[in-house]
Amino acid sequence: MKPSDQAGSDALEIPLRRPYRELVLSALFFAACAAVLAHRAVTNDRGLILNGILPFERGGADVFYAALAILSGALCALGLVGAARFAALKEFRILLGPRSVTWPSAHPFRAAREVTVLLDRIEAVEMQPPARPVTLVIREDDRAHSIPLRWLAEGWSAQEVGGAIIARVRAAQADPRAGG
């Protein structure tokens, strides 16, 4: 365990890195796409043929470019809203308690900003995909939750985090008072 795991404490706190860089870079990319496509929609003077299958006249090409500009603008806004939702979380960490594990939701647009799973409901902890893991998956009785590995702070590997969760699950199973 890491130094943040204090022997007298009931909870283990694993710090996570907020994904601002990815969200802001994606927002900038889609903002640039929206600007280019909006400019193309305004200044277009010819039609468009997609893959030699879908021909558009000049007006249809304008609508196509405008629709893509709107979609790109919406994706830019979603990236910024996601960054703001992650910024609103007071603590960005995995908290392993004696009866549950809590972490920020990987889906920032859902109502619940954090996911809490009781240890006695956890059936498996695995890394997906097995060959080149990008996410830590916690399987509950009826659903699966994920923690992107790019969120892990320096000094914590996926194996250490998974091992810590598994150790807490085993301890909860061994101590019937800690469950539920």
C-alpha atoms as a PDB file:
ATOM      1  CA  MET A   1       0.000   0.000   0.000  1.00  0.00           C
ATOM      2  CA  LYS A   2       0.969   3.623  -0.421  1.00  0.00           C
ATOM      3  CA  PRO A   3       1.911   6.056   2.342  1.00  0.00           C
ATOM      4  CA  SER A   4      -1.618   7.528   2.214  1.00  0.00           C
ATOM      5  CA  ASP A   5      -2.877   4.216   3.620  1.00  0.00           C
ATOM      6  CA  GLN A   6      -2.553   4.900   7.315  1.00  0.00           C
ATOM      7  CA  ALA A   7      -2.578   1.865   9.580  1.00  0.00           C
ATOM      8  CA  GLY A   8      -5.064   3.404  12.027  1.00  0.00           C
ATOM      9  CA  SER A   9      -7.447   4.686   9.363  1.00  0.00           C
ATOM     10  CA  ASP A  10     -10.485   2.747   8.171  1.00  0.00           C
ATOM     11  CA  ALA A  11     -10.397   4.364   4.736  1.00  0.00           C
ATOM     12  CA  LEU A  12      -7.800   4.291   1.988  1.00  0.00           C
ATOM     13  CA  GLU A  13      -7.796   7.328  -0.271  1.00  0.00           C
ATOM     14  CA  ILE A  14      -6.321   6.922  -3.757  1.00  0.00           C
ATOM     15  CA  PRO A  15      -5.878  10.288  -5.500  1.00  0.00           C
ATOM     16  CA  LEU A  16      -6.964  10.629  -9.123  1.00  0.00           C
ATOM     17  CA  ARG A  17      -5.933  13.065 -11.838  1.00  0.00           C
ATOM     18  CA  ARG A  18      -8.768  15.163 -13.234  1.00  0.00           C
ATOM     19  CA  PRO A  19      -9.045  14.713 -17.036  1.00  0.00           C
ATOM     20  CA  TYR A  20      -8.942  18.421 -17.881  1.00  0.00           C
ATOM     21  CA  ARG A  21      -6.265  18.091 -20.545  1.00  0.00           C
ATOM     22  CA  GLU A  22      -8.268  15.584 -22.615  1.00  0.00           C
ATOM     23  CA  LEU A  23     -11.545  17.474 -22.254  1.00  0.00           C
ATOM     24  CA  VAL A  24     -10.111  20.899 -23.069  1.00  0.00           C
ATOM     25  CA  LEU A  25      -8.074  19.596 -26.019  1.00  0.00           C
ATOM     26  CA  SER A  26     -11.127  17.846 -27.437  1.00  0.00           C
ATOM     27  CA  ALA A  27     -13.172  21.031 -26.941  1.00  0.00           C
ATOM     28  CA  LEU A  28     -10.534  23.053 -28.807  1.00  0.00           C
ATOM     29  CA  PHE A  29     -10.447  20.487 -31.632  1.00  0.00           C
ATOM     30  CA  PHE A  30     -14.220  20.546 -32.070  1.00  0.00           C
ATOM     31  CA  ALA A  31     -14.283  24.360 -31.815  1.00  0.00           C
ATOM     32  CA  ALA A  32     -11.798  24.497 -34.693  1.00  0.00           C
ATOM     33  CA  CYS A  33     -13.895  21.980 -36.654  1.00  0.00           C
ATOM     34  CA  ALA A  34     -17.032  24.041 -36.023  1.00  0.00           C
ATOM     35  CA  ALA A  35     -15.314  27.236 -37.190  1.00  0.00           C
ATOM     36  CA  VAL A  36     -13.930  25.649 -40.364  1.00  0.00           C
ATOM     37  CA  LEU A  37     -17.230  23.975 -41.238  1.00  0.00           C
ATOM     38  CA  ALA A  38     -19.273  27.108 -40.511  1.00  0.00           C
ATOM     39  CA  HIS A  39     -16.929  29.126 -42.721  1.00  0.00           C
ATOM     40  CA  ARG A  40     -17.251  26.481 -45.430  1.00  0.00           C
ATOM     41  CA  ALA A  41     -21.064  26.570 -45.170  1.00  0.00           C
ATOM     42  CA  VAL A  42     -21.089  30.368 -45.598  1.00  0.00           C
ATOM     43  CA  THR A  43     -18.536  30.582 -48.421  1.00  0.00           C
ATOM     44  CA  ASN A  44     -19.438  27.397 -50.325  1.00  0.00           C
ATOM     45  CA  ASP A  45     -19.951  27.970 -54.062  1.00  0.00           C
ATOM     46  CA  ARG A  46     -20.211  24.393 -55.318  1.00  0.00           C
ATOM     47  CA  GLY A  47     -21.823  21.059 -54.564  1.00  0.00           C
ATOM     48  CA  LEU A  48     -20.422  18.066 -52.728  1.00  0.00           C
ATOM     49  CA  ILE A  49     -20.163  14.368 -53.557  1.00  0.00           C
ATOM     50  CA  LEU A  50     -19.615  12.005 -50.631  1.00  0.00           C
ATOM     51  CA  ASN A  51     -17.752   8.821 -51.588  1.00  0.00           C
ATOM     52  CA  GLY A  52     -19.148   9.027 -55.083  1.00  0.00           C
ATOM     53  CA  ILE A  53     -22.509   7.885 -53.686  1.00  0.00           C
ATOM     54  CA  LEU A  54     -24.281  10.903 -52.203  1.00  0.00           C
ATOM     55  CA  PRO A  55     -24.308  13.956 -54.471  1.00  0.00           C
ATOM     56  CA  PHE A  56     -25.356  17.313 -52.997  1.00  0.00           C
ATOM     57  CA  GLU A  57     -26.127  20.442 -54.971  1.00  0.00           C
ATOM     58  CA  ARG A  58     -24.832  23.767 -53.686  1.00  0.00           C
ATOM     59  CA  GLY A  59     -27.718  24.287 -51.244  1.00  0.00           C
ATOM     60  CA  GLY A  60     -27.520  20.711 -49.966  1.00  0.00           C
ATOM     61  CA  ALA A  61     -23.773  21.052 -49.408  1.00  0.00           C
ATOM     62  CA  ASP A  62     -24.378  24.255 -47.425  1.00  0.00           C
ATOM     63  CA  VAL A  63     -26.868  22.439 -45.196  1.00  0.00           C
ATOM     64  CA  PHE A  64     -24.467  19.493 -44.793  1.00  0.00           C
ATOM     65  CA  TYR A  65     -21.587  21.780 -43.732  1.00  0.00           C
ATOM     66  CA  ALA A  66     -23.866  23.738 -41.386  1.00  0.00           C
ATOM     67  CA  ALA A  67     -25.164  20.552 -39.761  1.00  0.00           C
ATOM     68  CA  LEU A  68     -21.598  19.329 -39.183  1.00  0.00           C
ATOM     69  CA  ALA A  69     -20.658  22.757 -37.777  1.00  0.00           C
ATOM     70  CA  ILE A  70     -23.565  22.579 -35.318  1.00  0.00           C
ATOM     71  CA  LEU A  71     -22.640  19.027 -34.305  1.00  0.00           C
ATOM     72  CA  SER A  72     -18.996  20.046 -33.790  1.00  0.00           C
ATOM     73  CA  GLY A  73     -20.105  23.056 -31.720  1.00  0.00           C
ATOM     74  CA  ALA A  74     -22.269  20.797 -29.569  1.00  0.00           C
ATOM     75  CA  LEU A  75     -19.356  18.397 -28.988  1.00  0.00           C
ATOM     76  CA  CYS A  76     -17.161  21.366 -28.034  1.00  0.00           C
ATOM     77  CA  ALA A  77     -19.776  22.496 -25.508  1.00  0.00           C
ATOM     78  CA  LEU A  78     -20.071  18.974 -24.088  1.00  0.00           C
ATOM     79  CA  GLY A  79     -16.312  18.865 -23.497  1.00  0.00           C
ATOM     80  CA  LEU A  80     -16.399  22.168 -21.638  1.00  0.00           C
ATOM     81  CA  VAL A  81     -19.447  21.161 -19.595  1.00  0.00           C
ATOM     82  CA  GLY A  82     -17.723  17.868 -18.712  1.00  0.00           C
ATOM     83  CA  ALA A  83     -14.630  19.750 -17.516  1.00  0.00           C
ATOM     84  CA  ALA A  84     -16.828  22.068 -15.434  1.00  0.00           C
ATOM     85  CA  ARG A  85     -18.677  19.104 -13.875  1.00  0.00           C
ATOM     86  CA  PHE A  86     -15.388  17.443 -12.932  1.00  0.00           C
ATOM     87  CA  ALA A  87     -14.147  20.755 -11.492  1.00  0.00           C
ATOM     88  CA  ALA A  88     -17.271  20.943  -9.325  1.00  0.00           C
ATOM     89  CA  LEU A  89     -16.330  17.726  -7.525  1.00  0.00           C
ATOM     90  CA  LYS A  90     -14.710  18.608  -4.214  1.00  0.00           C
ATOM     91  CA  GLU A  91     -12.655  15.417  -4.021  1.00  0.00           C
ATOM     92  CA  PHE A  92     -11.428  13.541  -7.091  1.00  0.00           C
ATOM     93  CA  ARG A  93     -10.333  10.227  -5.634  1.00  0.00           C
ATOM     94  CA  ILE A  94     -11.132   6.599  -5.016  1.00  0.00           C
ATOM     95  CA  LEU A  95     -12.172   6.118  -1.408  1.00  0.00           C
ATOM     96  CA  LEU A  96     -11.953   2.566  -0.111  1.00  0.00           C
ATOM     97  CA  GLY A  97     -13.923   2.376   3.101  1.00  0.00           C
ATOM     98  CA  PRO A  98     -14.631  -0.595   5.363  1.00  0.00           C
ATOM     99  CA  ARG A  99     -17.983  -1.271   3.638  1.00  0.00           C
ATOM    100  CA  SER A 100     -17.916   0.524   0.288  1.00  0.00           C
ATOM    101  CA  VAL A 101     -15.788   1.972  -2.479  1.00  0.00           C
ATOM    102  CA  THR A 102     -16.542   5.421  -3.942  1.00  0.00           C
ATOM    103  CA  TRP A 103     -15.092   7.154  -7.014  1.00  0.00           C
ATOM    104  CA  PRO A 104     -16.091   9.905  -9.471  1.00  0.00           C
ATOM    105  CA  SER A 105     -18.497   8.840 -12.200  1.00  0.00           C
ATOM    106  CA  ALA A 106     -16.849   8.360 -15.594  1.00  0.00           C
ATOM    107  CA  HIS A 107     -20.082   9.753 -17.067  1.00  0.00           C
ATOM    108  CA  PRO A 108     -20.069  13.404 -15.991  1.00  0.00           C
ATOM    109  CA  PHE A 109     -23.519  14.146 -17.431  1.00  0.00           C
ATOM    110  CA  ARG A 110     -25.440  11.751 -15.203  1.00  0.00           C
ATOM    111  CA  ALA A 111     -27.181  13.052 -12.122  1.00  0.00           C
ATOM    112  CA  ALA A 112     -24.907  11.141  -9.719  1.00  0.00           C
ATOM    113  CA  ARG A 113     -21.441  12.636  -9.702  1.00  0.00           C
ATOM    114  CA  GLU A 114     -19.944   9.796  -7.677  1.00  0.00           C
ATOM    115  CA  VAL A 115     -20.424   6.043  -7.788  1.00  0.00           C
ATOM    116  CA  THR A 116     -20.594   4.095  -4.526  1.00  0.00           C
ATOM    117  CA  VAL A 117     -20.624   0.313  -4.478  1.00  0.00           C
ATOM    118  CA  LEU A 118     -20.925  -1.803  -1.358  1.00  0.00           C
ATOM    119  CA  LEU A 119     -18.001  -4.203  -1.040  1.00  0.00           C
ATOM    120  CA  ASP A 120     -20.264  -7.216  -0.533  1.00  0.00           C
ATOM    121  CA  ARG A 121     -21.857  -6.583  -3.947  1.00  0.00           C
ATOM    122  CA  ILE A 122     -18.557  -6.630  -5.877  1.00  0.00           C
ATOM    123  CA  GLU A 123     -18.125  -9.814  -7.882  1.00  0.00           C
ATOM    124  CA  ALA A 124     -14.961  -8.999  -9.846  1.00  0.00           C
ATOM    125  CA  VAL A 125     -12.306  -6.369 -10.405  1.00  0.00           C
ATOM    126  CA  GLU A 126     -10.583  -6.577 -13.777  1.00  0.00           C
ATOM    127  CA  MET A 127      -8.704  -4.542 -16.334  1.00  0.00           C
ATOM    128  CA  GLN A 128     -10.180  -4.209 -19.823  1.00  0.00           C
ATOM    129  CA  PRO A 129      -9.118  -5.042 -22.450  1.00  0.00           C
ATOM    130  CA  PRO A 130      -6.754  -7.640 -20.994  1.00  0.00           C
ATOM    131  CA  ALA A 131      -3.976  -7.162 -23.592  1.00  0.00           C
ATOM    132  CA  ARG A 132      -3.586  -3.367 -23.205  1.00  0.00           C
ATOM    133  CA  PRO A 133      -5.760  -2.209 -20.314  1.00  0.00           C
ATOM    134  CA  VAL A 134      -7.311   1.253 -20.497  1.00  0.00           C
ATOM    135  CA  THR A 135      -9.949   0.905 -17.798  1.00  0.00           C
ATOM    136  CA  LEU A 136     -10.433  -0.756 -14.433  1.00  0.00           C
ATOM    137  CA  VAL A 137     -13.826  -2.469 -14.357  1.00  0.00           C
ATOM    138  CA  ILE A 138     -15.634  -3.179 -11.090  1.00  0.00           C
ATOM    139  CA  ARG A 139     -18.382  -5.733 -11.644  1.00  0.00           C
ATOM    140  CA  GLU A 140     -21.315  -5.540  -9.296  1.00  0.00           C
ATOM    141  CA  ASP A 141     -24.208  -8.014  -9.015  1.00  0.00           C
ATOM    142  CA  ASP A 142     -26.146  -6.542 -11.929  1.00  0.00           C
ATOM    143  CA  ARG A 143     -23.873  -3.944 -13.582  1.00  0.00           C
ATOM    144  CA  ALA A 144     -20.315  -2.946 -14.343  1.00  0.00           C
ATOM    145  CA  HIS A 145     -18.584   0.339 -13.466  1.00  0.00           C
ATOM    146  CA  SER A 146     -15.390   1.667 -14.984  1.00  0.00           C
ATOM    147  CA  ILE A 147     -12.508   3.853 -13.874  1.00  0.00           C
ATOM    148  CA  PRO A 148     -10.303   5.067 -16.737  1.00  0.00           C
ATOM    149  CA  LEU A 149      -6.664   4.210 -16.016  1.00  0.00           C
ATOM    150  CA  ARG A 150      -5.526   7.591 -17.361  1.00  0.00           C
ATOM    151  CA  TRP A 151      -7.116   9.079 -14.228  1.00  0.00           C
ATOM    152  CA  LEU A 152      -4.677   7.312 -11.903  1.00  0.00           C
ATOM    153  CA  ALA A 153      -2.225   9.676 -10.238  1.00  0.00           C
ATOM    154  CA  GLU A 154       1.502   9.128 -10.463  1.00  0.00           C
ATOM    155  CA  GLY A 155       2.687   6.449  -8.112  1.00  0.00           C
ATOM    156  CA  TRP A 156      -0.410   4.280  -8.473  1.00  0.00           C
ATOM    157  CA  SER A 157      -0.563   1.461 -10.989  1.00  0.00           C
ATOM    158  CA  ALA A 158      -3.716  -0.282 -12.122  1.00  0.00           C
ATOM    159  CA  GLN A 159      -2.543  -3.484 -10.443  1.00  0.00           C
ATOM    160  CA  GLU A 160      -2.062  -1.691  -7.108  1.00  0.00           C
ATOM    161  CA  VAL A 161      -5.502  -0.072  -7.231  1.00  0.00           C
ATOM    162  CA  GLY A 162      -7.182  -3.328  -8.283  1.00  0.00           C
ATOM    163  CA  GLY A 163      -5.279  -5.207  -5.578  1.00  0.00           C
ATOM    164  CA  ALA A 164      -6.337  -2.685  -2.931  1.00  0.00           C
ATOM    165  CA  ILE A 165      -9.994  -3.026  -3.928  1.00  0.00           C
ATOM    166  CA  ILE A 166      -9.766  -6.823  -3.940  1.00  0.00           C
ATOM    167  CA  ALA A 167      -8.077  -6.782  -0.514  1.00  0.00           C
ATOM    168  CA  ARG A 168     -10.924  -4.654   0.879  1.00  0.00           C
ATOM    169  CA  VAL A 169     -13.532  -6.979  -0.655  1.00  0.00           C
ATOM    170  CA  ARG A 170     -11.832 -10.027   0.899  1.00  0.00           C
ATOM    171  CA  ALA A 171     -11.559  -8.289   4.269  1.00  0.00           C
ATOM    172  CA  ALA A 172     -15.262  -7.406   4.128  1.00  0.00           C
ATOM    173  CA  GLN A 173     -16.144 -11.021   3.280  1.00  0.00           C
ATOM    174  CA  ALA A 174     -14.024 -12.290   6.160  1.00  0.00           C
ATOM    175  CA  ASP A 175     -15.584  -9.871   8.665  1.00  0.00           C
ATOM    176  CA  PRO A 176     -19.385 -10.315   8.641  1.00  0.00           C
ATOM    177  CA  ARG A 177     -19.841  -7.112  10.729  1.00  0.00           C
ATOM    178  CA  ALA A 178     -18.304  -4.970   7.932  1.00  0.00           C
ATOM    179  CA  GLY A 179     -20.762  -6.107   5.265  1.00  0.00           C
ATOM    180  CA  GLY A 180     -23.973  -4.224   4.304  1.00  0.00           C
END
